[in-house]
Amino acid sequence: SNDQRQRLMSTTEAAVEIPLLQFTDAAARKVGDLIRGEGNPNLMLRVFVQGGGCSGLQYGFEFDETVQDGDTCVENLGVKLLVDPMSFQYLTGAEIDYREGLEGAQFV
């Protein structure tokens, strides 16, 4: 019946998992290069959100060796990206990418 078919469709939709945070290959490769440059293979890239006055939220990146309680870890190409729980709620659905453009190289 039609009713049954609709129910089937909604369950398959729920099964598709979208990564909450996208860490692109370009960004992962660049982070991997930077980590090799630091000479410490245990480093991971931590992404965080700083609450931000009139400019809104600011995103920050730093290297970190330790996974903190509650961190979300996203891995790509062997490179780990860490996000603390507070920042994660703002980064849900975001994409961490790396571009080299006229303004210089940056993570976005």
PDB file of N, CA and C in Angstrom:
ATOM      1  N   SER A   1       0.840  -1.197   0.000  1.00  0.00           N
ATOM      2  CA  SER A   1       0.000   0.000   0.000  1.00  0.00           C
ATOM      3  C   SER A   1       0.877   1.250   0.000  1.00  0.00           C
ATOM      4  N   ASN A   2       0.273   2.346  -0.297  1.00  0.00           N
ATOM      5  CA  ASN A   2       0.990   3.619  -0.380  1.00  0.00           C
ATOM      6  C   ASN A   2       1.589   3.998   0.974  1.00  0.00           C
ATOM      7  N   ASP A   3       0.812   3.765   2.008  1.00  0.00           N
ATOM      8  CA  ASP A   3       1.241   4.093   3.365  1.00  0.00           C
ATOM      9  C   ASP A   3       2.545   3.387   3.724  1.00  0.00           C
ATOM     10  N   GLN A   4       2.620   2.108   3.345  1.00  0.00           N
ATOM     11  CA  GLN A   4       3.804   1.316   3.665  1.00  0.00           C
ATOM     12  C   GLN A   4       5.021   1.840   2.909  1.00  0.00           C
ATOM     13  N   ARG A   5       4.832   2.225   1.657  1.00  0.00           N
ATOM     14  CA  ARG A   5       5.948   2.698   0.860  1.00  0.00           C
ATOM     15  C   ARG A   5       6.523   3.986   1.460  1.00  0.00           C
ATOM     16  N   GLN A   6       5.668   4.839   1.939  1.00  0.00           N
ATOM     17  CA  GLN A   6       6.150   6.086   2.546  1.00  0.00           C
ATOM     18  C   GLN A   6       6.980   5.811   3.783  1.00  0.00           C
ATOM     19  N   ARG A   7       6.522   4.837   4.563  1.00  0.00           N
ATOM     20  CA  ARG A   7       7.260   4.505   5.775  1.00  0.00           C
ATOM     21  C   ARG A   7       8.647   3.977   5.427  1.00  0.00           C
ATOM     22  N   LEU A   8       8.736   3.175   4.392  1.00  0.00           N
ATOM     23  CA  LEU A   8      10.016   2.630   3.952  1.00  0.00           C
ATOM     24  C   LEU A   8      10.972   3.739   3.550  1.00  0.00           C
ATOM     25  N   MET A   9      10.449   4.700   2.813  1.00  0.00           N
ATOM     26  CA  MET A   9      11.302   5.789   2.349  1.00  0.00           C
ATOM     27  C   MET A   9      11.900   6.556   3.519  1.00  0.00           C
ATOM     28  N   SER A  10      11.095   6.849   4.514  1.00  0.00           N
ATOM     29  CA  SER A  10      11.620   7.646   5.619  1.00  0.00           C
ATOM     30  C   SER A  10      12.693   6.892   6.405  1.00  0.00           C
ATOM     31  N   THR A  11      12.598   5.556   6.487  1.00  0.00           N
ATOM     32  CA  THR A  11      13.636   4.850   7.231  1.00  0.00           C
ATOM     33  C   THR A  11      14.944   4.826   6.453  1.00  0.00           C
ATOM     34  N   THR A  12      14.896   4.715   5.118  1.00  0.00           N
ATOM     35  CA  THR A  12      16.156   4.702   4.386  1.00  0.00           C
ATOM     36  C   THR A  12      16.811   6.071   4.437  1.00  0.00           C
ATOM     37  N   GLU A  13      16.020   7.121   4.435  1.00  0.00           N
ATOM     38  CA  GLU A  13      16.605   8.461   4.530  1.00  0.00           C
ATOM     39  C   GLU A  13      17.379   8.634   5.832  1.00  0.00           C
ATOM     40  N   ALA A  14      16.821   8.102   6.897  1.00  0.00           N
ATOM     41  CA  ALA A  14      17.457   8.253   8.201  1.00  0.00           C
ATOM     42  C   ALA A  14      18.791   7.507   8.259  1.00  0.00           C
ATOM     43  N   ALA A  15      18.943   6.492   7.409  1.00  0.00           N
ATOM     44  CA  ALA A  15      20.140   5.667   7.468  1.00  0.00           C
ATOM     45  C   ALA A  15      21.350   6.335   6.811  1.00  0.00           C
ATOM     46  N   VAL A  16      21.114   7.361   6.027  1.00  0.00           N
ATOM     47  CA  VAL A  16      22.235   8.040   5.360  1.00  0.00           C
ATOM     48  C   VAL A  16      22.933   8.921   6.383  1.00  0.00           C
ATOM     49  N   GLU A  17      24.199   8.646   6.588  1.00  0.00           N
ATOM     50  CA  GLU A  17      24.915   9.426   7.593  1.00  0.00           C
ATOM     51  C   GLU A  17      25.769  10.496   6.961  1.00  0.00           C
ATOM     52  N   ILE A  18      25.497  11.714   7.324  1.00  0.00           N
ATOM     53  CA  ILE A  18      26.303  12.824   6.822  1.00  0.00           C
ATOM     54  C   ILE A  18      27.300  13.161   7.914  1.00  0.00           C
ATOM     55  N   PRO A  19      28.584  13.202   7.564  1.00  0.00           N
ATOM     56  CA  PRO A  19      29.540  13.596   8.607  1.00  0.00           C
ATOM     57  C   PRO A  19      29.192  14.999   9.086  1.00  0.00           C
ATOM     58  N   LEU A  20      29.211  15.201  10.387  1.00  0.00           N
ATOM     59  CA  LEU A  20      28.788  16.478  10.932  1.00  0.00           C
ATOM     60  C   LEU A  20      29.789  17.573  10.593  1.00  0.00           C
ATOM     61  N   LEU A  21      31.019  17.159  10.425  1.00  0.00           N
ATOM     62  CA  LEU A  21      32.054  18.128  10.115  1.00  0.00           C
ATOM     63  C   LEU A  21      32.858  17.559   8.960  1.00  0.00           C
ATOM     64  N   GLN A  22      32.998  18.308   7.893  1.00  0.00           N
ATOM     65  CA  GLN A  22      33.734  17.819   6.736  1.00  0.00           C
ATOM     66  C   GLN A  22      35.163  18.345   6.798  1.00  0.00           C
ATOM     67  N   PHE A  23      36.100  17.439   6.670  1.00  0.00           N
ATOM     68  CA  PHE A  23      37.520  17.786   6.705  1.00  0.00           C
ATOM     69  C   PHE A  23      38.045  17.390   5.326  1.00  0.00           C
ATOM     70  N   THR A  24      38.246  18.351   4.449  1.00  0.00           N
ATOM     71  CA  THR A  24      38.569  18.021   3.058  1.00  0.00           C
ATOM     72  C   THR A  24      39.978  17.470   2.899  1.00  0.00           C
ATOM     73  N   ASP A  25      40.199  16.768   1.783  1.00  0.00           N
ATOM     74  CA  ASP A  25      41.521  16.212   1.494  1.00  0.00           C
ATOM     75  C   ASP A  25      42.577  17.307   1.426  1.00  0.00           C
ATOM     76  N   ALA A  26      42.223  18.432   0.819  1.00  0.00           N
ATOM     77  CA  ALA A  26      43.194  19.533   0.682  1.00  0.00           C
ATOM     78  C   ALA A  26      43.646  20.008   2.057  1.00  0.00           C
ATOM     79  N   ALA A  27      42.689  20.160   2.961  1.00  0.00           N
ATOM     80  CA  ALA A  27      43.027  20.614   4.312  1.00  0.00           C
ATOM     81  C   ALA A  27      43.851  19.553   5.031  1.00  0.00           C
ATOM     82  N   ALA A  28      43.443  18.286   4.887  1.00  0.00           N
ATOM     83  CA  ALA A  28      44.154  17.208   5.574  1.00  0.00           C
ATOM     84  C   ALA A  28      45.604  17.112   5.081  1.00  0.00           C
ATOM     85  N   ARG A  29      45.784  17.258   3.768  1.00  0.00           N
ATOM     86  CA  ARG A  29      47.151  17.197   3.216  1.00  0.00           C
ATOM     87  C   ARG A  29      48.009  18.321   3.769  1.00  0.00           C
ATOM     88  N   LYS A  30      47.434  19.521   3.818  1.00  0.00           N
ATOM     89  CA  LYS A  30      48.190  20.677   4.311  1.00  0.00           C
ATOM     90  C   LYS A  30      48.538  20.511   5.782  1.00  0.00           C
ATOM     91  N   VAL A  31      47.574  20.069   6.569  1.00  0.00           N
ATOM     92  CA  VAL A  31      47.835  19.857   7.997  1.00  0.00           C
ATOM     93  C   VAL A  31      48.923  18.801   8.166  1.00  0.00           C
ATOM     94  N   GLY A  32      48.852  17.738   7.348  1.00  0.00           N
ATOM     95  CA  GLY A  32      49.880  16.703   7.394  1.00  0.00           C
ATOM     96  C   GLY A  32      51.260  17.271   7.122  1.00  0.00           C
ATOM     97  N   ASP A  33      51.354  18.159   6.143  1.00  0.00           N
ATOM     98  CA  ASP A  33      52.636  18.809   5.829  1.00  0.00           C
ATOM     99  C   ASP A  33      53.137  19.627   7.022  1.00  0.00           C
ATOM    100  N   LEU A  34      52.224  20.397   7.608  1.00  0.00           N
ATOM    101  CA  LEU A  34      52.605  21.248   8.738  1.00  0.00           C
ATOM    102  C   LEU A  34      53.070  20.409   9.926  1.00  0.00           C
ATOM    103  N   ILE A  35      52.371  19.299  10.157  1.00  0.00           N
ATOM    104  CA  ILE A  35      52.745  18.432  11.280  1.00  0.00           C
ATOM    105  C   ILE A  35      54.134  17.833  11.038  1.00  0.00           C
ATOM    106  N   ARG A  36      54.385  17.411   9.804  1.00  0.00           N
ATOM    107  CA  ARG A  36      55.730  16.890   9.492  1.00  0.00           C
ATOM    108  C   ARG A  36      56.775  17.971   9.717  1.00  0.00           C
ATOM    109  N   GLY A  37      56.427  19.207   9.358  1.00  0.00           N
ATOM    110  CA  GLY A  37      57.342  20.330   9.548  1.00  0.00           C
ATOM    111  C   GLY A  37      57.649  20.574  11.014  1.00  0.00           C
ATOM    112  N   GLU A  38      56.673  20.295  11.876  1.00  0.00           N
ATOM    113  CA  GLU A  38      56.868  20.474  13.320  1.00  0.00           C
ATOM    114  C   GLU A  38      57.715  19.347  13.887  1.00  0.00           C
ATOM    115  N   GLY A  39      57.797  18.241  13.157  1.00  0.00           N
ATOM    116  CA  GLY A  39      58.598  17.123  13.624  1.00  0.00           C
ATOM    117  C   GLY A  39      57.982  16.339  14.773  1.00  0.00           C
ATOM    118  N   ASN A  40      56.681  16.520  14.985  1.00  0.00           N
ATOM    119  CA  ASN A  40      56.020  15.784  16.059  1.00  0.00           C
ATOM    120  C   ASN A  40      54.787  15.066  15.494  1.00  0.00           C
ATOM    121  N   PRO A  41      54.916  13.764  15.241  1.00  0.00           N
ATOM    122  CA  PRO A  41      53.828  13.028  14.590  1.00  0.00           C
ATOM    123  C   PRO A  41      52.571  12.894  15.435  1.00  0.00           C
ATOM    124  N   ASN A  42      52.667  13.241  16.723  1.00  0.00           N
ATOM    125  CA  ASN A  42      51.484  13.125  17.591  1.00  0.00           C
ATOM    126  C   ASN A  42      50.554  14.323  17.499  1.00  0.00           C
ATOM    127  N   LEU A  43      50.958  15.331  16.765  1.00  0.00           N
ATOM    128  CA  LEU A  43      50.135  16.540  16.708  1.00  0.00           C
ATOM    129  C   LEU A  43      48.840  16.311  15.947  1.00  0.00           C
ATOM    130  N   MET A  44      47.796  16.992  16.418  1.00  0.00           N
ATOM    131  CA  MET A  44      46.506  17.001  15.755  1.00  0.00           C
ATOM    132  C   MET A  44      46.092  18.459  15.619  1.00  0.00           C
ATOM    133  N   LEU A  45      45.207  18.721  14.689  1.00  0.00           N
ATOM    134  CA  LEU A  45      44.759  20.103  14.514  1.00  0.00           C
ATOM    135  C   LEU A  45      43.475  20.309  15.307  1.00  0.00           C
ATOM    136  N   ARG A  46      43.513  21.266  16.216  1.00  0.00           N
ATOM    137  CA  ARG A  46      42.317  21.589  16.992  1.00  0.00           C
ATOM    138  C   ARG A  46      41.641  22.805  16.367  1.00  0.00           C
ATOM    139  N   VAL A  47      40.360  22.681  16.140  1.00  0.00           N
ATOM    140  CA  VAL A  47      39.569  23.789  15.601  1.00  0.00           C
ATOM    141  C   VAL A  47      38.664  24.257  16.721  1.00  0.00           C
ATOM    142  N   PHE A  48      38.605  25.557  16.940  1.00  0.00           N
ATOM    143  CA  PHE A  48      37.747  26.046  18.021  1.00  0.00           C
ATOM    144  C   PHE A  48      37.069  27.341  17.598  1.00  0.00           C
ATOM    145  N   VAL A  49      36.015  27.642  18.309  1.00  0.00           N
ATOM    146  CA  VAL A  49      35.247  28.845  18.032  1.00  0.00           C
ATOM    147  C   VAL A  49      35.422  29.771  19.218  1.00  0.00           C
ATOM    148  N   GLN A  50      35.737  31.022  18.921  1.00  0.00           N
ATOM    149  CA  GLN A  50      35.845  32.006  19.987  1.00  0.00           C
ATOM    150  C   GLN A  50      34.642  32.928  19.869  1.00  0.00           C
ATOM    151  N   GLY A  51      33.941  33.099  20.965  1.00  0.00           N
ATOM    152  CA  GLY A  51      32.765  33.955  20.961  1.00  0.00           C
ATOM    153  C   GLY A  51      33.202  35.360  20.655  1.00  0.00           C
ATOM    154  N   GLY A  52      32.413  36.017  19.780  1.00  0.00           N
ATOM    155  CA  GLY A  52      33.079  37.139  19.238  1.00  0.00           C
ATOM    156  C   GLY A  52      32.614  38.532  19.176  1.00  0.00           C
ATOM    157  N   GLY A  53      32.077  39.214  20.163  1.00  0.00           N
ATOM    158  CA  GLY A  53      31.833  40.649  20.017  1.00  0.00           C
ATOM    159  C   GLY A  53      31.104  41.013  18.752  1.00  0.00           C
ATOM    160  N   CYS A  54      31.460  42.169  18.187  1.00  0.00           N
ATOM    161  CA  CYS A  54      30.699  42.662  17.038  1.00  0.00           C
ATOM    162  C   CYS A  54      31.026  41.908  15.755  1.00  0.00           C
ATOM    163  N   SER A  55      32.166  41.214  15.734  1.00  0.00           N
ATOM    164  CA  SER A  55      32.531  40.519  14.493  1.00  0.00           C
ATOM    165  C   SER A  55      31.942  39.114  14.439  1.00  0.00           C
ATOM    166  N   GLY A  56      31.125  38.762  15.432  1.00  0.00           N
ATOM    167  CA  GLY A  56      30.535  37.420  15.434  1.00  0.00           C
ATOM    168  C   GLY A  56      31.551  36.392  15.887  1.00  0.00           C
ATOM    169  N   LEU A  57      31.344  35.151  15.466  1.00  0.00           N
ATOM    170  CA  LEU A  57      32.227  34.079  15.907  1.00  0.00           C
ATOM    171  C   LEU A  57      33.510  34.053  15.107  1.00  0.00           C
ATOM    172  N   GLN A  58      34.596  33.807  15.795  1.00  0.00           N
ATOM    173  CA  GLN A  58      35.893  33.682  15.139  1.00  0.00           C
ATOM    174  C   GLN A  58      36.347  32.238  15.257  1.00  0.00           C
ATOM    175  N   TYR A  59      36.916  31.730  14.176  1.00  0.00           N
ATOM    176  CA  TYR A  59      37.409  30.361  14.207  1.00  0.00           C
ATOM    177  C   TYR A  59      38.897  30.377  14.425  1.00  0.00           C
ATOM    178  N   GLY A  60      39.373  29.468  15.246  1.00  0.00           N
ATOM    179  CA  GLY A  60      40.802  29.383  15.495  1.00  0.00           C
ATOM    180  C   GLY A  60      41.299  27.984  15.217  1.00  0.00           C
ATOM    181  N   PHE A  61      42.585  27.893  14.883  1.00  0.00           N
ATOM    182  CA  PHE A  61      43.232  26.602  14.638  1.00  0.00           C
ATOM    183  C   PHE A  61      44.511  26.558  15.456  1.00  0.00           C
ATOM    184  N   GLU A  62      44.778  25.435  16.073  1.00  0.00           N
ATOM    185  CA  GLU A  62      46.053  25.283  16.767  1.00  0.00           C
ATOM    186  C   GLU A  62      46.413  23.810  16.803  1.00  0.00           C
ATOM    187  N   PHE A  63      47.694  23.529  17.002  1.00  0.00           N
ATOM    188  CA  PHE A  63      48.114  22.140  17.127  1.00  0.00           C
ATOM    189  C   PHE A  63      47.947  21.696  18.573  1.00  0.00           C
ATOM    190  N   ASP A  64      47.574  20.443  18.736  1.00  0.00           N
ATOM    191  CA  ASP A  64      47.393  19.897  20.077  1.00  0.00           C
ATOM    192  C   ASP A  64      47.810  18.432  20.058  1.00  0.00           C
ATOM    193  N   GLU A  65      48.423  17.992  21.138  1.00  0.00           N
ATOM    194  CA  GLU A  65      48.854  16.592  21.222  1.00  0.00           C
ATOM    195  C   GLU A  65      47.850  15.734  21.965  1.00  0.00           C
ATOM    196  N   THR A  66      46.964  16.369  22.730  1.00  0.00           N
ATOM    197  CA  THR A  66      46.075  15.587  23.583  1.00  0.00           C
ATOM    198  C   THR A  66      44.617  15.735  23.196  1.00  0.00           C
ATOM    199  N   VAL A  67      43.940  14.619  23.211  1.00  0.00           N
ATOM    200  CA  VAL A  67      42.499  14.623  23.002  1.00  0.00           C
ATOM    201  C   VAL A  67      41.865  14.880  24.363  1.00  0.00           C
ATOM    202  N   GLN A  68      41.066  15.925  24.454  1.00  0.00           N
ATOM    203  CA  GLN A  68      40.416  16.264  25.722  1.00  0.00           C
ATOM    204  C   GLN A  68      39.104  15.501  25.857  1.00  0.00           C
ATOM    205  N   ASP A  69      38.599  15.440  27.080  1.00  0.00           N
ATOM    206  CA  ASP A  69      37.298  14.808  27.311  1.00  0.00           C
ATOM    207  C   ASP A  69      36.225  15.469  26.466  1.00  0.00           C
ATOM    208  N   GLY A  70      35.453  14.656  25.773  1.00  0.00           N
ATOM    209  CA  GLY A  70      34.338  15.205  25.009  1.00  0.00           C
ATOM    210  C   GLY A  70      34.700  15.701  23.620  1.00  0.00           C
ATOM    211  N   ASP A  71      35.976  15.659  23.273  1.00  0.00           N
ATOM    212  CA  ASP A  71      36.372  16.099  21.929  1.00  0.00           C
ATOM    213  C   ASP A  71      35.742  15.212  20.858  1.00  0.00           C
ATOM    214  N   THR A  72      35.404  15.824  19.755  1.00  0.00           N
ATOM    215  CA  THR A  72      35.021  15.070  18.568  1.00  0.00           C
ATOM    216  C   THR A  72      36.262  14.992  17.701  1.00  0.00           C
ATOM    217  N   CYS A  73      36.549  13.809  17.188  1.00  0.00           N
ATOM    218  CA  CYS A  73      37.732  13.627  16.366  1.00  0.00           C
ATOM    219  C   CYS A  73      37.304  13.213  14.962  1.00  0.00           C
ATOM    220  N   VAL A  74      37.737  13.980  13.976  1.00  0.00           N
ATOM    221  CA  VAL A  74      37.448  13.658  12.579  1.00  0.00           C
ATOM    222  C   VAL A  74      38.781  13.352  11.917  1.00  0.00           C
ATOM    223  N   GLU A  75      38.872  12.208  11.253  1.00  0.00           N
ATOM    224  CA  GLU A  75      40.148  11.825  10.660  1.00  0.00           C
ATOM    225  C   GLU A  75      40.040  11.772   9.148  1.00  0.00           C
ATOM    226  N   ASN A  76      41.052  12.276   8.466  1.00  0.00           N
ATOM    227  CA  ASN A  76      41.125  12.182   7.012  1.00  0.00           C
ATOM    228  C   ASN A  76      42.597  12.052   6.625  1.00  0.00           C
ATOM    229  N   LEU A  77      42.890  11.085   5.771  1.00  0.00           N
ATOM    230  CA  LEU A  77      44.263  10.854   5.301  1.00  0.00           C
ATOM    231  C   LEU A  77      45.243  10.701   6.465  1.00  0.00           C
ATOM    232  N   GLY A  78      44.774  10.106   7.553  1.00  0.00           N
ATOM    233  CA  GLY A  78      45.650   9.890   8.698  1.00  0.00           C
ATOM    234  C   GLY A  78      45.868  11.110   9.569  1.00  0.00           C
ATOM    235  N   VAL A  79      45.236  12.228   9.214  1.00  0.00           N
ATOM    236  CA  VAL A  79      45.377  13.455  10.004  1.00  0.00           C
ATOM    237  C   VAL A  79      44.121  13.622  10.849  1.00  0.00           C
ATOM    238  N   LYS A  80      44.320  13.943  12.126  1.00  0.00           N
ATOM    239  CA  LYS A  80      43.168  14.083  13.022  1.00  0.00           C
ATOM    240  C   LYS A  80      42.845  15.546  13.293  1.00  0.00           C
ATOM    241  N   LEU A  81      41.552  15.804  13.269  1.00  0.00           N
ATOM    242  CA  LEU A  81      41.020  17.135  13.554  1.00  0.00           C
ATOM    243  C   LEU A  81      40.226  17.012  14.848  1.00  0.00           C
ATOM    244  N   LEU A  82      40.500  17.877  15.816  1.00  0.00           N
ATOM    245  CA  LEU A  82      39.798  17.819  17.102  1.00  0.00           C
ATOM    246  C   LEU A  82      38.891  19.028  17.267  1.00  0.00           C
ATOM    247  N   VAL A  83      37.723  18.777  17.835  1.00  0.00           N
ATOM    248  CA  VAL A  83      36.805  19.880  18.123  1.00  0.00           C
ATOM    249  C   VAL A  83      36.233  19.669  19.515  1.00  0.00           C
ATOM    250  N   ASP A  84      36.313  20.698  20.354  1.00  0.00           N
ATOM    251  CA  ASP A  84      35.753  20.574  21.698  1.00  0.00           C
ATOM    252  C   ASP A  84      34.228  20.698  21.619  1.00  0.00           C
ATOM    253  N   PRO A  85      33.523  20.190  22.647  1.00  0.00           N
ATOM    254  CA  PRO A  85      32.057  20.147  22.583  1.00  0.00           C
ATOM    255  C   PRO A  85      31.412  21.517  22.396  1.00  0.00           C
ATOM    256  N   MET A  86      31.956  22.548  23.032  1.00  0.00           N
ATOM    257  CA  MET A  86      31.365  23.878  22.918  1.00  0.00           C
ATOM    258  C   MET A  86      31.455  24.378  21.475  1.00  0.00           C
ATOM    259  N   SER A  87      32.634  24.216  20.869  1.00  0.00           N
ATOM    260  CA  SER A  87      32.818  24.687  19.496  1.00  0.00           C
ATOM    261  C   SER A  87      32.042  23.831  18.508  1.00  0.00           C
ATOM    262  N   PHE A  88      31.904  22.543  18.839  1.00  0.00           N
ATOM    263  CA  PHE A  88      31.293  21.614  17.887  1.00  0.00           C
ATOM    264  C   PHE A  88      29.874  22.018  17.526  1.00  0.00           C
ATOM    265  N   GLN A  89      29.144  22.556  18.499  1.00  0.00           N
ATOM    266  CA  GLN A  89      27.758  22.925  18.202  1.00  0.00           C
ATOM    267  C   GLN A  89      27.700  24.032  17.146  1.00  0.00           C
ATOM    268  N   TYR A  90      28.746  24.838  17.060  1.00  0.00           N
ATOM    269  CA  TYR A  90      28.776  25.899  16.048  1.00  0.00           C
ATOM    270  C   TYR A  90      29.335  25.405  14.722  1.00  0.00           C
ATOM    271  N   LEU A  91      30.056  24.284  14.782  1.00  0.00           N
ATOM    272  CA  LEU A  91      30.725  23.787  13.578  1.00  0.00           C
ATOM    273  C   LEU A  91      29.952  22.673  12.889  1.00  0.00           C
ATOM    274  N   THR A  92      28.827  22.268  13.469  1.00  0.00           N
ATOM    275  CA  THR A  92      28.042  21.194  12.870  1.00  0.00           C
ATOM    276  C   THR A  92      27.669  21.571  11.441  1.00  0.00           C
ATOM    277  N   GLY A  93      27.986  20.682  10.526  1.00  0.00           N
ATOM    278  CA  GLY A  93      27.656  20.945   9.131  1.00  0.00           C
ATOM    279  C   GLY A  93      28.697  21.794   8.417  1.00  0.00           C
ATOM    280  N   ALA A  94      29.743  22.206   9.135  1.00  0.00           N
ATOM    281  CA  ALA A  94      30.768  23.041   8.512  1.00  0.00           C
ATOM    282  C   ALA A  94      31.750  22.192   7.720  1.00  0.00           C
ATOM    283  N   GLU A  95      32.511  22.852   6.886  1.00  0.00           N
ATOM    284  CA  GLU A  95      33.538  22.174   6.112  1.00  0.00           C
ATOM    285  C   GLU A  95      34.857  22.867   6.381  1.00  0.00           C
ATOM    286  N   ILE A  96      35.851  22.092   6.772  1.00  0.00           N
ATOM    287  CA  ILE A  96      37.181  22.645   6.983  1.00  0.00           C
ATOM    288  C   ILE A  96      37.960  22.398   5.696  1.00  0.00           C
ATOM    289  N   ASP A  97      38.294  23.459   5.020  1.00  0.00           N
ATOM    290  CA  ASP A  97      38.987  23.339   3.743  1.00  0.00           C
ATOM    291  C   ASP A  97      40.222  24.224   3.772  1.00  0.00           C
ATOM    292  N   TYR A  98      41.063  24.019   2.790  1.00  0.00           N
ATOM    293  CA  TYR A  98      42.289  24.809   2.718  1.00  0.00           C
ATOM    294  C   TYR A  98      42.408  25.345   1.308  1.00  0.00           C
ATOM    295  N   ARG A  99      42.653  26.641   1.194  1.00  0.00           N
ATOM    296  CA  ARG A  99      42.778  27.243  -0.124  1.00  0.00           C
ATOM    297  C   ARG A  99      44.021  28.105  -0.175  1.00  0.00           C
ATOM    298  N   GLU A 100      44.662  28.073  -1.306  1.00  0.00           N
ATOM    299  CA  GLU A 100      45.749  29.017  -1.516  1.00  0.00           C
ATOM    300  C   GLU A 100      45.269  29.976  -2.588  1.00  0.00           C
ATOM    301  N   GLY A 101      45.144  31.227  -2.208  1.00  0.00           N
ATOM    302  CA  GLY A 101      44.620  32.218  -3.150  1.00  0.00           C
ATOM    303  C   GLY A 101      45.490  33.457  -3.140  1.00  0.00           C
ATOM    304  N   LEU A 102      44.938  34.512  -3.686  1.00  0.00           N
ATOM    305  CA  LEU A 102      45.675  35.770  -3.780  1.00  0.00           C
ATOM    306  C   LEU A 102      45.954  36.358  -2.410  1.00  0.00           C
ATOM    307  N   GLU A 103      45.035  36.107  -1.476  1.00  0.00           N
ATOM    308  CA  GLU A 103      45.222  36.678  -0.127  1.00  0.00           C
ATOM    309  C   GLU A 103      46.196  35.833   0.670  1.00  0.00           C
ATOM    310  N   GLY A 104      46.752  34.812   0.066  1.00  0.00           N
ATOM    311  CA  GLY A 104      47.645  33.926   0.820  1.00  0.00           C
ATOM    312  C   GLY A 104      46.918  32.638   1.134  1.00  0.00           C
ATOM    313  N   ALA A 105      47.618  31.740   1.763  1.00  0.00           N
ATOM    314  CA  ALA A 105      47.052  30.426   2.069  1.00  0.00           C
ATOM    315  C   ALA A 105      46.292  30.496   3.380  1.00  0.00           C
ATOM    316  N   GLN A 106      45.174  29.826   3.429  1.00  0.00           N
ATOM    317  CA  GLN A 106      44.394  29.851   4.671  1.00  0.00           C
ATOM    318  C   GLN A 106      43.487  28.657   4.790  1.00  0.00           C
ATOM    319  N   PHE A 107      43.165  28.355   6.048  1.00  0.00           N
ATOM    320  CA  PHE A 107      42.138  27.350   6.308  1.00  0.00           C
ATOM    321  C   PHE A 107      40.821  28.100   6.372  1.00  0.00           C
ATOM    322  N   VAL A 108      39.789  27.502   5.839  1.00  0.00           N
ATOM    323  CA  VAL A 108      38.486  28.164   5.832  1.00  0.00           C
ATOM    324  C   VAL A 108      37.427  27.237   6.374  1.00  0.00           C
TER     325      VAL A 108
END
